[in-house]
PDB file of N, CA and C in Angstrom:
ATOM      1  N   UNK A   1     -27.925  51.300 -86.743  1.00  0.00           N
ATOM      2  CA  UNK A   1     -28.269  50.934 -88.100  1.00  0.00           C
ATOM      3  C   UNK A   1     -29.606  50.184 -88.061  1.00  0.00           C
ATOM      4  N   UNK A   2     -30.540  50.643 -88.831  1.00  0.00           N
ATOM      5  CA  UNK A   2     -31.875  50.044 -88.865  1.00  0.00           C
ATOM      6  C   UNK A   2     -31.872  48.777 -89.710  1.00  0.00           C
ATOM      7  N   UNK A   3     -32.784  47.878 -89.353  1.00  0.00           N
ATOM      8  CA  UNK A   3     -32.932  46.646 -90.124  1.00  0.00           C
ATOM      9  C   UNK A   3     -33.757  46.907 -91.372  1.00  0.00           C
ATOM     10  N   UNK A   4     -33.422  46.181 -92.431  1.00  0.00           N
ATOM     11  CA  UNK A   4     -34.237  46.273 -93.637  1.00  0.00           C
ATOM     12  C   UNK A   4     -35.563  45.563 -93.376  1.00  0.00           C
ATOM     13  N   UNK A   5     -36.509  45.765 -94.244  1.00  0.00           N
ATOM     14  CA  UNK A   5     -37.818  45.119 -94.089  1.00  0.00           C
ATOM     15  C   UNK A   5     -37.669  43.598 -94.096  1.00  0.00           C
ATOM     16  N   UNK A   6     -36.798  43.075 -94.950  1.00  0.00           N
ATOM     17  CA  UNK A   6     -36.578  41.628 -95.031  1.00  0.00           C
ATOM     18  C   UNK A   6     -35.947  41.112 -93.739  1.00  0.00           C
ATOM     19  N   UNK A   7     -34.962  41.830 -93.218  1.00  0.00           N
ATOM     20  CA  UNK A   7     -34.324  41.426 -91.963  1.00  0.00           C
ATOM     21  C   UNK A   7     -35.319  41.461 -90.798  1.00  0.00           C
ATOM     22  N   UNK A   8     -36.162  42.480 -90.773  1.00  0.00           N
ATOM     23  CA  UNK A   8     -37.173  42.583 -89.727  1.00  0.00           C
ATOM     24  C   UNK A   8     -38.167  41.430 -89.824  1.00  0.00           C
ATOM     25  N   UNK A   9     -38.553  41.069 -91.034  1.00  0.00           N
ATOM     26  CA  UNK A   9     -39.478  39.954 -91.239  1.00  0.00           C
ATOM     27  C   UNK A   9     -38.860  38.650 -90.748  1.00  0.00           C
ATOM     28  N   UNK A  10     -37.591  38.424 -91.070  1.00  0.00           N
ATOM     29  CA  UNK A  10     -36.902  37.203 -90.639  1.00  0.00           C
ATOM     30  C   UNK A  10     -36.781  37.172 -89.120  1.00  0.00           C
ATOM     31  N   UNK A  11     -36.434  38.287 -88.522  1.00  0.00           N
ATOM     32  CA  UNK A  11     -36.331  38.359 -87.068  1.00  0.00           C
ATOM     33  C   UNK A  11     -37.669  38.060 -86.399  1.00  0.00           C
ATOM     34  N   UNK A  12     -38.737  38.583 -86.945  1.00  0.00           N
ATOM     35  CA  UNK A  12     -40.072  38.321 -86.408  1.00  0.00           C
ATOM     36  C   UNK A  12     -40.407  36.838 -86.509  1.00  0.00           C
ATOM     37  N   UNK A  13     -40.071  36.213 -87.624  1.00  0.00           N
ATOM     38  CA  UNK A  13     -40.309  34.774 -87.780  1.00  0.00           C
ATOM     39  C   UNK A  13     -39.536  33.970 -86.740  1.00  0.00           C
ATOM     40  N   UNK A  14     -38.293  34.350 -86.496  1.00  0.00           N
ATOM     41  CA  UNK A  14     -37.474  33.657 -85.497  1.00  0.00           C
ATOM     42  C   UNK A  14     -38.106  33.800 -84.114  1.00  0.00           C
ATOM     43  N   UNK A  15     -38.551  34.998 -83.785  1.00  0.00           N
ATOM     44  CA  UNK A  15     -39.178  35.232 -82.479  1.00  0.00           C
ATOM     45  C   UNK A  15     -40.448  34.402 -82.309  1.00  0.00           C
ATOM     46  N   UNK A  16     -41.259  34.337 -83.358  1.00  0.00           N
ATOM     47  CA  UNK A  16     -42.504  33.565 -83.296  1.00  0.00           C
ATOM     48  C   UNK A  16     -42.196  32.079 -83.132  1.00  0.00           C
ATOM     49  N   UNK A  17     -41.248  31.591 -83.900  1.00  0.00           N
ATOM     50  CA  UNK A  17     -40.895  30.163 -83.799  1.00  0.00           C
ATOM     51  C   UNK A  17     -40.319  29.824 -82.429  1.00  0.00           C
ATOM     52  N   UNK A  18     -39.496  30.699 -81.893  1.00  0.00           N
ATOM     53  CA  UNK A  18     -38.946  30.468 -80.564  1.00  0.00           C
ATOM     54  C   UNK A  18     -40.060  30.412 -79.526  1.00  0.00           C
ATOM     55  N   UNK A  19     -40.998  31.343 -79.618  1.00  0.00           N
ATOM     56  CA  UNK A  19     -42.119  31.353 -78.678  1.00  0.00           C
ATOM     57  C   UNK A  19     -42.943  30.080 -78.782  1.00  0.00           C
ATOM     58  N   UNK A  20     -43.096  29.554 -79.980  1.00  0.00           N
ATOM     59  CA  UNK A  20     -43.862  28.321 -80.175  1.00  0.00           C
ATOM     60  C   UNK A  20     -43.081  27.104 -79.681  1.00  0.00           C
ATOM     61  N   UNK A  21     -41.778  27.059 -79.985  1.00  0.00           N
ATOM     62  CA  UNK A  21     -40.963  25.891 -79.643  1.00  0.00           C
ATOM     63  C   UNK A  21     -40.618  25.830 -78.156  1.00  0.00           C
ATOM     64  N   UNK A  22     -40.283  26.957 -77.570  1.00  0.00           N
ATOM     65  CA  UNK A  22     -39.849  26.975 -76.170  1.00  0.00           C
ATOM     66  C   UNK A  22     -40.340  28.260 -75.497  1.00  0.00           C
ATOM     67  N   UNK A  23     -41.596  28.282 -75.078  1.00  0.00           N
ATOM     68  CA  UNK A  23     -42.172  29.497 -74.500  1.00  0.00           C
ATOM     69  C   UNK A  23     -41.431  29.987 -73.247  1.00  0.00           C
ATOM     70  N   UNK A  24     -40.950  29.048 -72.421  1.00  0.00           N
ATOM     71  CA  UNK A  24     -40.237  29.463 -71.204  1.00  0.00           C
ATOM     72  C   UNK A  24     -38.946  30.197 -71.545  1.00  0.00           C
ATOM     73  N   UNK A  25     -38.202  29.689 -72.512  1.00  0.00           N
ATOM     74  CA  UNK A  25     -36.973  30.358 -72.929  1.00  0.00           C
ATOM     75  C   UNK A  25     -37.292  31.721 -73.526  1.00  0.00           C
ATOM     76  N   UNK A  26     -38.326  31.794 -74.333  1.00  0.00           N
ATOM     77  CA  UNK A  26     -38.716  33.064 -74.935  1.00  0.00           C
ATOM     78  C   UNK A  26     -39.057  34.095 -73.857  1.00  0.00           C
ATOM     79  N   UNK A  27     -39.758  33.669 -72.807  1.00  0.00           N
ATOM     80  CA  UNK A  27     -40.101  34.582 -71.713  1.00  0.00           C
ATOM     81  C   UNK A  27     -38.848  35.030 -70.967  1.00  0.00           C
ATOM     82  N   UNK A  28     -37.934  34.101 -70.723  1.00  0.00           N
ATOM     83  CA  UNK A  28     -36.684  34.463 -70.043  1.00  0.00           C
ATOM     84  C   UNK A  28     -35.890  35.479 -70.848  1.00  0.00           C
ATOM     85  N   UNK A  29     -35.792  35.251 -72.148  1.00  0.00           N
ATOM     86  CA  UNK A  29     -35.052  36.170 -73.003  1.00  0.00           C
ATOM     87  C   UNK A  29     -35.728  37.538 -73.069  1.00  0.00           C
ATOM     88  N   UNK A  30     -37.053  37.548 -73.056  1.00  0.00           N
ATOM     89  CA  UNK A  30     -37.780  38.816 -73.100  1.00  0.00           C
ATOM     90  C   UNK A  30     -37.543  39.610 -71.825  1.00  0.00           C
ATOM     91  N   UNK A  31     -37.452  38.908 -70.676  1.00  0.00           N
ATOM     92  CA  UNK A  31     -37.226  39.580 -69.396  1.00  0.00           C
ATOM     93  C   UNK A  31     -35.768  39.956 -69.189  1.00  0.00           C
ATOM     94  N   UNK A  32     -34.870  39.350 -69.934  1.00  0.00           N
ATOM     95  CA  UNK A  32     -33.439  39.557 -69.734  1.00  0.00           C
ATOM     96  C   UNK A  32     -33.053  41.030 -69.853  1.00  0.00           C
ATOM     97  N   UNK A  33     -33.556  41.732 -70.836  1.00  0.00           N
ATOM     98  CA  UNK A  33     -33.189  43.124 -71.032  1.00  0.00           C
ATOM     99  C   UNK A  33     -33.977  44.113 -70.209  1.00  0.00           C
ATOM    100  N   UNK A  34     -35.117  43.731 -69.720  1.00  0.00           N
ATOM    101  CA  UNK A  34     -35.985  44.670 -69.012  1.00  0.00           C
ATOM    102  C   UNK A  34     -35.392  45.248 -67.744  1.00  0.00           C
ATOM    103  N   UNK A  35     -34.853  44.455 -66.834  1.00  0.00           N
ATOM    104  CA  UNK A  35     -34.339  45.034 -65.588  1.00  0.00           C
ATOM    105  C   UNK A  35     -33.203  46.015 -65.801  1.00  0.00           C
ATOM    106  N   UNK A  36     -32.364  45.768 -66.770  1.00  0.00           N
ATOM    107  CA  UNK A  36     -31.258  46.692 -67.014  1.00  0.00           C
ATOM    108  C   UNK A  36     -31.767  48.075 -67.378  1.00  0.00           C
ATOM    109  N   UNK A  37     -32.767  48.123 -68.226  1.00  0.00           N
ATOM    110  CA  UNK A  37     -33.321  49.414 -68.614  1.00  0.00           C
ATOM    111  C   UNK A  37     -33.937  50.135 -67.426  1.00  0.00           C
ATOM    112  N   UNK A  38     -34.660  49.403 -66.615  1.00  0.00           N
ATOM    113  CA  UNK A  38     -35.261  49.994 -65.416  1.00  0.00           C
ATOM    114  C   UNK A  38     -34.194  50.424 -64.435  1.00  0.00           C
ATOM    115  N   UNK A  39     -33.217  49.580 -64.235  1.00  0.00           N
ATOM    116  CA  UNK A  39     -32.147  49.895 -63.293  1.00  0.00           C
ATOM    117  C   UNK A  39     -31.407  51.155 -63.733  1.00  0.00           C
ATOM    118  N   UNK A  40     -31.118  51.260 -65.007  1.00  0.00           N
ATOM    119  CA  UNK A  40     -30.419  52.434 -65.530  1.00  0.00           C
ATOM    120  C   UNK A  40     -31.255  53.686 -65.311  1.00  0.00           C
ATOM    121  N   UNK A  41     -32.547  53.590 -65.542  1.00  0.00           N
ATOM    122  CA  UNK A  41     -33.429  54.734 -65.335  1.00  0.00           C
ATOM    123  C   UNK A  41     -33.450  55.143 -63.871  1.00  0.00           C
ATOM    124  N   UNK A  42     -33.540  54.171 -62.977  1.00  0.00           N
ATOM    125  CA  UNK A  42     -33.553  54.471 -61.541  1.00  0.00           C
ATOM    126  C   UNK A  42     -32.236  55.119 -61.127  1.00  0.00           C
ATOM    127  N   UNK A  43     -31.128  54.586 -61.615  1.00  0.00           N
ATOM    128  CA  UNK A  43     -29.822  55.154 -61.278  1.00  0.00           C
ATOM    129  C   UNK A  43     -29.724  56.592 -61.775  1.00  0.00           C
ATOM    130  N   UNK A  44     -30.189  56.850 -62.974  1.00  0.00           N
ATOM    131  CA  UNK A  44     -30.150  58.217 -63.510  1.00  0.00           C
ATOM    132  C   UNK A  44     -31.015  59.165 -62.690  1.00  0.00           C
ATOM    133  N   UNK A  45     -32.190  58.727 -62.293  1.00  0.00           N
ATOM    134  CA  UNK A  45     -33.079  59.566 -61.501  1.00  0.00           C
ATOM    135  C   UNK A  45     -32.459  59.867 -60.136  1.00  0.00           C
ATOM    136  N   UNK A  46     -31.938  58.836 -59.481  1.00  0.00           N
ATOM    137  CA  UNK A  46     -31.312  59.032 -58.167  1.00  0.00           C
ATOM    138  C   UNK A  46     -30.100  59.950 -58.283  1.00  0.00           C
ATOM    139  N   UNK A  47     -29.301  59.774 -59.319  1.00  0.00           N
ATOM    140  CA  UNK A  47     -28.138  60.633 -59.531  1.00  0.00           C
ATOM    141  C   UNK A  47     -28.558  62.084 -59.752  1.00  0.00           C
ATOM    142  N   UNK A  48     -29.590  62.279 -60.558  1.00  0.00           N
ATOM    143  CA  UNK A  48     -30.080  63.636 -60.810  1.00  0.00           C
ATOM    144  C   UNK A  48     -30.583  64.286 -59.524  1.00  0.00           C
ATOM    145  N   UNK A  49     -31.312  63.541 -58.711  1.00  0.00           N
ATOM    146  CA  UNK A  49     -31.817  64.077 -57.442  1.00  0.00           C
ATOM    147  C   UNK A  49     -30.652  64.433 -56.521  1.00  0.00           C
ATOM    148  N   UNK A  50     -29.646  63.569 -56.462  1.00  0.00           N
ATOM    149  CA  UNK A  50     -28.481  63.826 -55.616  1.00  0.00           C
ATOM    150  C   UNK A  50     -27.742  65.084 -56.082  1.00  0.00           C
ATOM    151  N   UNK A  51     -27.602  65.257 -57.390  1.00  0.00           N
ATOM    152  CA  UNK A  51     -26.937  66.452 -57.920  1.00  0.00           C
ATOM    153  C   UNK A  51     -27.710  67.716 -57.590  1.00  0.00           C
ATOM    154  N   UNK A  52     -29.026  67.655 -57.751  1.00  0.00           N
ATOM    155  CA  UNK A  52     -29.851  68.830 -57.428  1.00  0.00           C
ATOM    156  C   UNK A  52     -29.732  69.148 -55.944  1.00  0.00           C
ATOM    157  N   UNK A  53     -29.755  68.136 -55.095  1.00  0.00           N
ATOM    158  CA  UNK A  53     -29.621  68.358 -53.657  1.00  0.00           C
ATOM    159  C   UNK A  53     -28.256  68.947 -53.327  1.00  0.00           C
ATOM    160  N   UNK A  54     -27.201  68.458 -53.957  1.00  0.00           N
ATOM    161  CA  UNK A  54     -25.863  68.984 -53.711  1.00  0.00           C
ATOM    162  C   UNK A  54     -25.734  70.437 -54.163  1.00  0.00           C
ATOM    163  N   UNK A  55     -26.305  70.745 -55.297  1.00  0.00           N
ATOM    164  CA  UNK A  55     -26.266  72.132 -55.795  1.00  0.00           C
ATOM    165  C   UNK A  55     -27.057  73.034 -54.861  1.00  0.00           C
ATOM    166  N   UNK A  56     -28.237  72.576 -54.427  1.00  0.00           N
ATOM    167  CA  UNK A  56     -29.054  73.383 -53.511  1.00  0.00           C
ATOM    168  C   UNK A  56     -28.315  73.608 -52.190  1.00  0.00           C
ATOM    169  N   UNK A  57     -27.652  72.579 -51.689  1.00  0.00           N
ATOM    170  CA  UNK A  57     -26.887  72.718 -50.438  1.00  0.00           C
ATOM    171  C   UNK A  57     -25.719  73.694 -50.636  1.00  0.00           C
ATOM    172  N   UNK A  58     -25.073  73.630 -51.758  1.00  0.00           N
ATOM    173  CA  UNK A  58     -23.972  74.559 -52.047  1.00  0.00           C
ATOM    174  C   UNK A  58     -24.449  75.990 -52.141  1.00  0.00           C
ATOM    175  N   UNK A  59     -25.566  76.194 -52.791  1.00  0.00           N
ATOM    176  CA  UNK A  59     -26.131  77.546 -52.912  1.00  0.00           C
ATOM    177  C   UNK A  59     -26.552  78.059 -51.542  1.00  0.00           C
ATOM    178  N   UNK A  60     -27.187  77.210 -50.770  1.00  0.00           N
ATOM    179  CA  UNK A  60     -27.636  77.602 -49.414  1.00  0.00           C
ATOM    180  C   UNK A  60     -26.439  77.956 -48.551  1.00  0.00           C
ATOM    181  N   UNK A  61     -25.355  77.186 -48.647  1.00  0.00           N
ATOM    182  CA  UNK A  61     -24.156  77.463 -47.849  1.00  0.00           C
ATOM    183  C   UNK A  61     -23.499  78.770 -48.288  1.00  0.00           C
ATOM    184  N   UNK A  62     -23.518  79.047 -49.571  1.00  0.00           N
ATOM    185  CA  UNK A  62     -22.912  80.279 -50.082  1.00  0.00           C
ATOM    186  C   UNK A  62     -23.717  81.502 -49.666  1.00  0.00           C
ATOM    187  N   UNK A  63     -25.027  81.356 -49.587  1.00  0.00           N
ATOM    188  CA  UNK A  63     -25.886  82.489 -49.218  1.00  0.00           C
ATOM    189  C   UNK A  63     -25.754  82.792 -47.731  1.00  0.00           C
ATOM    190  N   UNK A  64     -25.631  81.762 -46.921  1.00  0.00           N
ATOM    191  CA  UNK A  64     -25.525  81.970 -45.472  1.00  0.00           C
ATOM    192  C   UNK A  64     -24.127  82.337 -45.154  1.00  0.00           C
TER     193      UNK A  64
END
């Protein structure tokens, strides 16, 4: 569900005030979500590579 323009404006004000009042906390909160997204992407890539390798090995075994 998307935020309304008013809700987005209020959220932006909260973010700005937090950054002004406690920059260290704001930086920590900004970094909090970043590793999860990267980790999920890495896991998906590794899983995809493993699946492709397993399929290729299965095809190679079936051909031989």
